[in-house]
Amino acid sequence: MNISVDISYYPLQEEFIPHILDFIQRLKTHEGLVANTNGMSTQVFGEYDLVMGALTAEIKKSFELPHSVFVMKVINADLQ
């Protein structure tokens, strides 16, 4: 099953932009995923297990920073 995820990352740090860009770049290294960004969020598209595995790994890595917030919407359809 293909899914679409709309995800926003809010690192609660003074210098937040580098952390957001790092998260997006790490997501883009996962094969089989498409990650598109805009000014408000990142959309990730792909097969369920691949997308959720990548998000789990990269969110865990981002949680090494204290006080990181993620907001996600997951849709069980490919909305590319």
N, C-alpha and C. Protein backbone atom coordinates (compact mmCIF):
# COMPACT_ATOMS: atom_id res chain seq x y z
N MET A 1 0.85 -1.17 0.00
CA MET A 1 0.00 0.00 0.00
C MET A 1 0.90 1.24 0.00
N ASN A 2 0.59 2.19 -0.86
CA ASN A 2 1.31 3.45 -0.89
C ASN A 2 0.62 4.45 0.02
N ILE A 3 1.45 5.31 0.65
CA ILE A 3 0.92 6.32 1.53
C ILE A 3 1.53 7.68 1.20
N SER A 4 0.90 8.70 1.74
CA SER A 4 1.41 10.07 1.68
C SER A 4 1.45 10.60 3.11
N VAL A 5 2.55 11.27 3.44
CA VAL A 5 2.70 11.84 4.78
C VAL A 5 3.04 13.31 4.63
N ASP A 6 2.33 14.13 5.37
CA ASP A 6 2.64 15.55 5.47
C ASP A 6 3.24 15.73 6.86
N ILE A 7 4.50 16.18 6.93
CA ILE A 7 5.20 16.24 8.21
C ILE A 7 5.85 17.61 8.39
N SER A 8 5.71 18.13 9.59
CA SER A 8 6.37 19.39 9.97
C SER A 8 7.22 19.11 11.20
N TYR A 9 8.42 19.67 11.20
CA TYR A 9 9.39 19.47 12.28
C TYR A 9 9.68 20.82 12.91
N TYR A 10 9.57 20.87 14.23
CA TYR A 10 9.82 22.09 14.99
C TYR A 10 10.87 21.82 16.07
N PRO A 11 12.16 21.97 15.73
CA PRO A 11 13.17 21.85 16.78
C PRO A 11 13.13 23.13 17.63
N LEU A 12 12.91 22.98 18.91
CA LEU A 12 12.76 24.15 19.78
C LEU A 12 14.13 24.62 20.23
N GLN A 13 14.88 25.14 19.26
CA GLN A 13 16.24 25.65 19.46
C GLN A 13 16.32 27.02 18.82
N GLU A 14 17.27 27.84 19.26
CA GLU A 14 17.45 29.15 18.62
C GLU A 14 17.84 28.99 17.16
N GLU A 15 18.76 28.09 16.90
CA GLU A 15 19.22 27.82 15.52
C GLU A 15 18.46 26.59 15.01
N PHE A 16 17.23 26.78 14.56
CA PHE A 16 16.38 25.65 14.19
C PHE A 16 16.50 25.24 12.73
N ILE A 17 16.81 26.16 11.83
CA ILE A 17 16.82 25.86 10.39
C ILE A 17 17.81 24.75 10.03
N PRO A 18 19.05 24.75 10.54
CA PRO A 18 19.97 23.66 10.18
C PRO A 18 19.43 22.27 10.56
N HIS A 19 18.72 22.19 11.67
CA HIS A 19 18.17 20.90 12.10
C HIS A 19 17.06 20.43 11.16
N ILE A 20 16.24 21.35 10.70
CA ILE A 20 15.17 21.02 9.76
C ILE A 20 15.77 20.56 8.43
N LEU A 21 16.73 21.31 7.92
CA LEU A 21 17.37 20.94 6.65
C LEU A 21 18.07 19.59 6.75
N ASP A 22 18.70 19.31 7.89
CA ASP A 22 19.35 18.02 8.09
C ASP A 22 18.33 16.88 8.06
N PHE A 23 17.20 17.07 8.73
CA PHE A 23 16.15 16.05 8.73
C PHE A 23 15.67 15.78 7.30
N ILE A 24 15.43 16.82 6.53
CA ILE A 24 14.96 16.65 5.15
C ILE A 24 16.01 15.93 4.32
N GLN A 25 17.26 16.31 4.45
CA GLN A 25 18.33 15.66 3.68
C GLN A 25 18.45 14.19 4.04
N ARG A 26 18.33 13.86 5.31
CA ARG A 26 18.39 12.45 5.73
C ARG A 26 17.23 11.67 5.13
N LEU A 27 16.03 12.26 5.11
CA LEU A 27 14.88 11.58 4.51
C LEU A 27 15.13 11.27 3.04
N LYS A 28 15.75 12.21 2.34
CA LYS A 28 15.97 12.05 0.90
C LYS A 28 17.00 10.99 0.56
N THR A 29 17.74 10.48 1.56
CA THR A 29 18.72 9.43 1.29
C THR A 29 18.08 8.04 1.24
N HIS A 30 16.84 7.92 1.67
CA HIS A 30 16.16 6.62 1.69
C HIS A 30 15.62 6.29 0.30
N GLU A 31 16.07 5.17 -0.24
CA GLU A 31 15.62 4.75 -1.57
C GLU A 31 14.15 4.36 -1.53
N GLY A 32 13.46 4.65 -2.62
CA GLY A 32 12.05 4.29 -2.74
C GLY A 32 11.09 5.33 -2.21
N LEU A 33 11.62 6.42 -1.66
CA LEU A 33 10.77 7.50 -1.16
C LEU A 33 10.90 8.73 -2.03
N VAL A 34 9.84 9.50 -2.07
CA VAL A 34 9.88 10.82 -2.69
C VAL A 34 9.58 11.80 -1.57
N ALA A 35 10.44 12.81 -1.41
CA ALA A 35 10.24 13.84 -0.38
C ALA A 35 10.25 15.20 -1.05
N ASN A 36 9.12 15.89 -0.99
CA ASN A 36 8.97 17.24 -1.54
C ASN A 36 8.78 18.21 -0.39
N THR A 37 9.37 19.39 -0.51
CA THR A 37 9.24 20.36 0.55
C THR A 37 8.59 21.64 0.04
N ASN A 38 7.99 22.35 0.98
CA ASN A 38 7.51 23.70 0.72
C ASN A 38 7.80 24.53 1.97
N GLY A 39 7.32 25.72 2.05
CA GLY A 39 7.61 26.60 3.16
C GLY A 39 7.00 26.17 4.49
N MET A 40 6.04 25.25 4.47
CA MET A 40 5.33 24.88 5.69
C MET A 40 5.59 23.45 6.14
N SER A 41 5.90 22.54 5.19
CA SER A 41 6.02 21.14 5.57
C SER A 41 6.78 20.36 4.50
N THR A 42 6.95 19.09 4.77
CA THR A 42 7.54 18.16 3.81
C THR A 42 6.51 17.07 3.54
N GLN A 43 6.35 16.71 2.28
CA GLN A 43 5.46 15.61 1.92
C GLN A 43 6.34 14.43 1.51
N VAL A 44 6.02 13.27 2.07
CA VAL A 44 6.77 12.05 1.78
C VAL A 44 5.80 11.05 1.18
N PHE A 45 6.23 10.42 0.08
CA PHE A 45 5.39 9.47 -0.64
C PHE A 45 6.15 8.17 -0.84
N GLY A 46 5.44 7.05 -0.74
CA GLY A 46 6.06 5.77 -1.00
C GLY A 46 5.28 4.64 -0.38
N GLU A 47 5.89 3.46 -0.42
CA GLU A 47 5.27 2.26 0.14
C GLU A 47 5.26 2.37 1.66
N TYR A 48 4.19 1.94 2.27
CA TYR A 48 3.96 2.12 3.71
C TYR A 48 5.17 1.75 4.57
N ASP A 49 5.65 0.51 4.42
CA ASP A 49 6.74 0.05 5.29
C ASP A 49 8.02 0.87 5.08
N LEU A 50 8.31 1.27 3.85
CA LEU A 50 9.50 2.08 3.58
C LEU A 50 9.37 3.46 4.20
N VAL A 51 8.23 4.09 4.01
CA VAL A 51 8.03 5.45 4.54
C VAL A 51 8.07 5.43 6.07
N MET A 52 7.33 4.53 6.67
CA MET A 52 7.26 4.51 8.13
C MET A 52 8.59 4.11 8.75
N GLY A 53 9.33 3.21 8.10
CA GLY A 53 10.66 2.85 8.59
C GLY A 53 11.61 4.03 8.54
N ALA A 54 11.59 4.75 7.43
CA ALA A 54 12.46 5.93 7.28
C ALA A 54 12.08 7.00 8.30
N LEU A 55 10.79 7.26 8.45
CA LEU A 55 10.36 8.28 9.41
C LEU A 55 10.72 7.89 10.84
N THR A 56 10.54 6.63 11.18
CA THR A 56 10.90 6.17 12.52
C THR A 56 12.38 6.40 12.80
N ALA A 57 13.24 6.03 11.84
CA ALA A 57 14.68 6.19 12.03
C ALA A 57 15.08 7.66 12.12
N GLU A 58 14.54 8.48 11.24
CA GLU A 58 14.97 9.88 11.19
C GLU A 58 14.37 10.72 12.31
N ILE A 59 13.16 10.40 12.74
CA ILE A 59 12.59 11.10 13.89
C ILE A 59 13.38 10.74 15.15
N LYS A 60 13.72 9.47 15.30
CA LYS A 60 14.52 9.05 16.45
C LYS A 60 15.85 9.80 16.49
N LYS A 61 16.50 9.93 15.34
CA LYS A 61 17.76 10.67 15.26
C LYS A 61 17.52 12.14 15.66
N SER A 62 16.44 12.74 15.19
CA SER A 62 16.15 14.14 15.52
C SER A 62 15.82 14.32 17.00
N PHE A 63 15.30 13.29 17.63
CA PHE A 63 14.97 13.37 19.06
C PHE A 63 16.22 13.37 19.94
N GLU A 64 17.40 13.23 19.34
CA GLU A 64 18.63 13.39 20.12
C GLU A 64 18.76 14.83 20.60
N LEU A 65 18.13 15.76 19.88
CA LEU A 65 18.03 17.15 20.36
C LEU A 65 16.93 17.20 21.41
N PRO A 66 17.14 17.95 22.46
CA PRO A 66 16.02 18.08 23.41
C PRO A 66 14.92 18.94 22.81
N HIS A 67 13.71 18.62 23.15
CA HIS A 67 12.54 19.43 22.80
C HIS A 67 12.33 19.59 21.30
N SER A 68 12.17 18.48 20.63
CA SER A 68 11.83 18.49 19.21
C SER A 68 10.38 18.07 19.07
N VAL A 69 9.65 18.74 18.17
CA VAL A 69 8.23 18.46 17.95
C VAL A 69 8.01 18.10 16.49
N PHE A 70 7.24 17.02 16.25
CA PHE A 70 6.83 16.63 14.90
C PHE A 70 5.31 16.62 14.84
N VAL A 71 4.76 17.11 13.74
CA VAL A 71 3.33 17.04 13.47
C VAL A 71 3.18 16.34 12.13
N MET A 72 2.40 15.24 12.10
CA MET A 72 2.26 14.44 10.88
C MET A 72 0.79 14.16 10.58
N LYS A 73 0.53 14.10 9.26
CA LYS A 73 -0.75 13.58 8.77
C LYS A 73 -0.38 12.44 7.82
N VAL A 74 -0.99 11.28 8.02
CA VAL A 74 -0.71 10.11 7.20
C VAL A 74 -1.99 9.73 6.46
N ILE A 75 -1.85 9.56 5.13
CA ILE A 75 -2.99 9.25 4.29
C ILE A 75 -2.72 7.95 3.56
N ASN A 76 -3.68 7.04 3.54
CA ASN A 76 -3.45 5.74 2.89
C ASN A 76 -3.76 5.80 1.40
N ALA A 77 -3.12 6.75 0.74
CA ALA A 77 -3.23 6.92 -0.72
C ALA A 77 -2.00 7.69 -1.19
N ASP A 78 -1.64 7.49 -2.44
CA ASP A 78 -0.54 8.23 -3.03
C ASP A 78 -1.10 9.51 -3.64
N LEU A 79 -0.82 10.64 -3.03
CA LEU A 79 -1.37 11.92 -3.47
C LEU A 79 -0.39 12.76 -4.28
N GLN A 80 0.64 12.12 -4.82
CA GLN A 80 1.62 12.85 -5.64
C GLN A 80 0.96 13.48 -6.83
